Each structure stands twice: as C-alpha cells, then as structure tokens.
Amino acid sequence: MMTLAELYEAGRKIVIGSLTFAAEDIIRFARDFDPQPFHLDEEGAKQSLFGGLCASGWHTSAGWMQCFVRFWADEARRLAAEGLHAPKLGPSPGFRELKWLKPVYAGDTITYAVTLLEARIVASRPGWRINTILCEGENQHGEAVIRFESKVIEFA
C-alpha cells in the first residue's frame, strides 16, 4: 500500500473538482443547516451586506468534502487499475484556520484543491500517519473563497 506522501509531493496543489452553487441548492442547505436571511431569500439577500443570495460558509465547506470524497474514490480506482493499493484515509481529527474569504453567490462555480503539507508517522500506532493538508476553493474568477488546514489519519 502506498502512502499519501509517496503519491503526492508535499507542496503540490491538486485540483479535486468543481461545484456550481445553484440558488435552489443554497436555499435547501440553508433551510436545513444555516437559516439566515441572506442564504434563504433572494430578495431579502439583496438588502443584506452581501447584496445577493449567497451560500453558507458551511455549504462551501461541505462542497470541498463532496469533491474530495469523489476525487479519492476516483484515485482509488485509478491506482487499483495500475495494480496499486490506495492509502486508507479518515477520519480527520480536526481542522484549523477555517476562513471564508469571499461570499459564494448563486451561480458561482467553486474549484476545490488540496495540497499535502506534511506527513508524519504516529509512533504509538504502527502503520498510522497523520497528514496535514491545505484545503482551498476559488471561484470562476480565480478569487479564493475558502481555505482551511486539516489533519487526515492514514492507516494500514
């Protein structure tokens, strides 16, 4: 089985997918998880400091995870086709420095990426590693909208 550090050079940014935020998806997510007026109502959102309907930061964060899970499943299939075994990943023991840098408006397409920052062996758990990754997203104009650092457990 390969490790993340063997698969991806530290510091190399890898695009993991894109997601377009439709107004109905923004409203549906907000209704269930973040029912603030600027996420729920297009007319009301125009009167907010955002000036229009925008996605919850939690929605943009969930979008990163949605793209990563799909990316990782594709990577596992790609590696298997080459006769290799993908590292087993998850769960994450946490994240830090979550920043929602710009609003994500209805119709925006966010392209997400991941960069391996560091991989370290867990001395007390043979076969385990803790990977630190930088998770990012930018809109169709190339503007950063989300950034956070996450830890991911890798195990044998």
Protein backbone atom coordinates (compact mmCIF):
# COMPACT_ATOMS: atom_id res chain seq x y z
CA MET A 1 0.00 0.00 0.00
CA MET A 2 1.29 3.44 -0.93
CA THR A 3 1.28 6.43 1.41
CA LEU A 4 -0.08 9.87 0.57
CA ALA A 5 3.44 11.24 0.74
CA GLU A 6 4.52 8.69 -1.89
CA LEU A 7 1.59 9.58 -4.13
CA TYR A 8 1.65 13.36 -3.82
CA GLU A 9 4.68 15.55 -3.44
CA ALA A 10 4.39 17.90 -0.47
CA GLY A 11 3.53 21.40 -1.62
CA ARG A 12 1.93 20.29 -4.91
CA LYS A 13 -1.59 21.65 -5.31
CA ILE A 14 -4.07 19.14 -6.77
CA VAL A 15 -7.46 20.16 -8.13
CA ILE A 16 -10.09 17.78 -6.75
CA GLY A 17 -13.22 19.03 -8.50
CA SER A 18 -15.69 21.83 -9.03
CA LEU A 19 -19.18 22.55 -7.80
CA THR A 20 -21.70 25.11 -9.05
CA PHE A 21 -23.88 26.63 -6.34
CA ALA A 22 -27.43 26.91 -7.70
CA ALA A 23 -29.89 29.18 -5.88
CA GLU A 24 -32.17 26.26 -5.02
CA ASP A 25 -29.25 24.29 -3.52
CA ILE A 26 -28.16 27.29 -1.45
CA ILE A 27 -31.70 27.73 -0.10
CA ARG A 28 -32.15 23.99 0.58
CA PHE A 29 -28.87 23.79 2.53
CA ALA A 30 -29.66 26.98 4.45
CA ARG A 31 -33.15 25.81 5.35
CA ASP A 32 -31.68 22.69 6.97
CA PHE A 33 -28.42 23.99 8.44
CA ASP A 34 -27.95 27.78 8.37
CA PRO A 35 -31.30 29.60 8.15
CA GLN A 36 -30.07 33.16 7.86
CA PRO A 37 -31.98 35.54 5.54
CA PHE A 38 -29.12 36.08 3.08
CA HIS A 39 -28.99 32.29 2.49
CA LEU A 40 -32.76 31.77 2.31
CA ASP A 41 -34.35 34.55 0.29
CA GLU A 42 -33.08 36.21 -2.89
CA GLU A 43 -35.00 39.45 -2.28
CA GLY A 44 -34.03 39.65 1.38
CA ALA A 45 -30.41 38.88 0.49
CA LYS A 46 -30.30 41.94 -1.77
CA GLN A 47 -30.84 44.07 1.35
CA SER A 48 -28.02 42.37 3.28
CA LEU A 49 -24.38 43.39 3.35
CA PHE A 50 -23.75 40.67 0.71
CA GLY A 51 -26.14 42.27 -1.79
CA GLY A 52 -27.39 38.93 -3.08
CA LEU A 53 -28.16 35.32 -2.29
CA CYS A 54 -25.02 33.57 -1.12
CA ALA A 55 -24.12 30.13 0.19
CA SER A 56 -23.46 29.42 3.82
CA GLY A 57 -19.79 29.03 4.62
CA TRP A 58 -20.70 25.58 5.92
CA HIS A 59 -22.17 24.80 2.49
CA THR A 60 -18.89 25.78 0.78
CA SER A 61 -17.04 23.63 3.31
CA ALA A 62 -19.34 20.67 2.61
CA GLY A 63 -18.72 21.26 -1.10
CA TRP A 64 -15.00 20.74 -0.53
CA MET A 65 -15.72 17.43 1.21
CA GLN A 66 -18.11 16.33 -1.54
CA CYS A 67 -15.43 16.94 -4.17
CA PHE A 68 -12.70 15.30 -2.07
CA VAL A 69 -14.70 12.11 -1.46
CA ARG A 70 -15.44 11.81 -5.19
CA PHE A 71 -11.79 12.59 -6.06
CA TRP A 72 -10.49 10.00 -3.59
CA ALA A 73 -12.84 7.28 -4.89
CA ASP A 74 -11.61 8.02 -8.43
CA GLU A 75 -7.99 7.92 -7.25
CA ALA A 76 -8.53 4.55 -5.54
CA ARG A 77 -9.97 3.15 -8.80
CA ARG A 78 -7.11 4.64 -10.82
CA LEU A 79 -4.50 3.13 -8.53
CA ALA A 80 -6.26 -0.26 -8.48
CA ALA A 81 -6.23 -0.29 -12.30
CA GLU A 82 -2.44 0.17 -12.05
CA GLY A 83 -2.20 -2.72 -9.56
CA LEU A 84 -1.62 -0.40 -6.59
CA HIS A 85 -3.49 0.00 -3.30
CA ALA A 86 -4.59 3.48 -2.26
CA PRO A 87 -3.89 4.52 1.31
CA LYS A 88 -6.80 4.13 3.71
CA LEU A 89 -7.86 7.58 4.87
CA GLY A 90 -10.03 9.02 7.59
CA PRO A 91 -11.31 10.17 9.84
CA SER A 92 -9.98 13.65 10.43
CA PRO A 93 -9.05 14.57 13.99
CA GLY A 94 -9.82 18.20 13.18
CA PHE A 95 -9.04 21.32 11.25
CA ARG A 96 -7.82 24.83 11.94
CA GLU A 97 -7.75 28.26 10.40
CA LEU A 98 -11.05 27.90 8.53
CA LYS A 99 -11.53 31.09 6.52
CA TRP A 100 -14.45 32.02 4.30
CA LEU A 101 -12.65 34.65 2.27
CA LYS A 102 -15.37 35.79 -0.16
CA PRO A 103 -19.08 35.11 -0.48
CA VAL A 104 -20.16 32.33 -2.82
CA TYR A 105 -23.12 33.66 -4.78
CA ALA A 106 -25.85 31.75 -6.58
CA GLY A 107 -24.38 30.67 -9.92
CA ASP A 108 -20.76 30.69 -8.77
CA THR A 109 -18.64 27.66 -9.62
CA ILE A 110 -16.04 26.82 -6.99
CA THR A 111 -12.99 24.77 -7.92
CA TYR A 112 -11.54 22.97 -4.93
CA ALA A 113 -7.96 21.82 -4.35
CA VAL A 114 -5.85 20.01 -1.80
CA THR A 115 -2.14 20.32 -1.03
CA LEU A 116 -0.23 17.89 1.17
CA LEU A 117 1.76 19.97 3.65
CA GLU A 118 3.21 17.33 5.95
CA ALA A 119 3.02 13.62 6.71
CA ARG A 120 4.24 12.21 9.98
CA ILE A 121 4.31 8.73 11.45
CA VAL A 122 2.33 8.15 14.65
CA ALA A 123 4.87 6.45 16.92
CA SER A 124 2.23 4.97 19.24
CA ARG A 125 0.22 3.44 16.35
CA PRO A 126 2.25 1.29 13.94
CA GLY A 127 1.10 1.82 10.36
CA TRP A 128 -0.62 5.11 11.12
CA ARG A 129 0.29 8.54 9.79
CA ILE A 130 -1.15 11.99 10.36
CA ASN A 131 -1.24 14.06 7.20
CA THR A 132 -1.68 17.82 7.25
CA ILE A 133 -3.41 19.14 4.15
CA LEU A 134 -4.30 22.60 2.91
CA CYS A 135 -7.85 22.70 1.56
CA GLU A 136 -8.84 25.55 -0.75
CA GLY A 137 -11.51 26.74 -3.13
CA GLU A 138 -11.67 29.53 -5.65
CA ASN A 139 -14.49 30.92 -7.74
CA GLN A 140 -14.69 31.14 -11.52
CA HIS A 141 -12.83 34.48 -11.37
CA GLY A 142 -9.82 32.88 -9.67
CA GLU A 143 -10.67 34.51 -6.32
CA ALA A 144 -10.06 32.49 -3.16
CA VAL A 145 -13.32 31.84 -1.31
CA ILE A 146 -12.37 29.22 1.30
CA ARG A 147 -9.20 27.99 2.95
CA PHE A 148 -8.52 25.69 5.89
CA GLU A 149 -5.91 23.30 7.16
CA SER A 150 -6.98 19.77 8.03
CA LYS A 151 -5.46 16.66 9.56
CA VAL A 152 -6.22 13.30 7.97
CA ILE A 153 -5.43 9.94 9.54
CA GLU A 154 -3.87 7.39 7.21
CA PHE A 155 -3.78 3.79 8.40
CA ALA A 156 -2.72 0.33 7.24
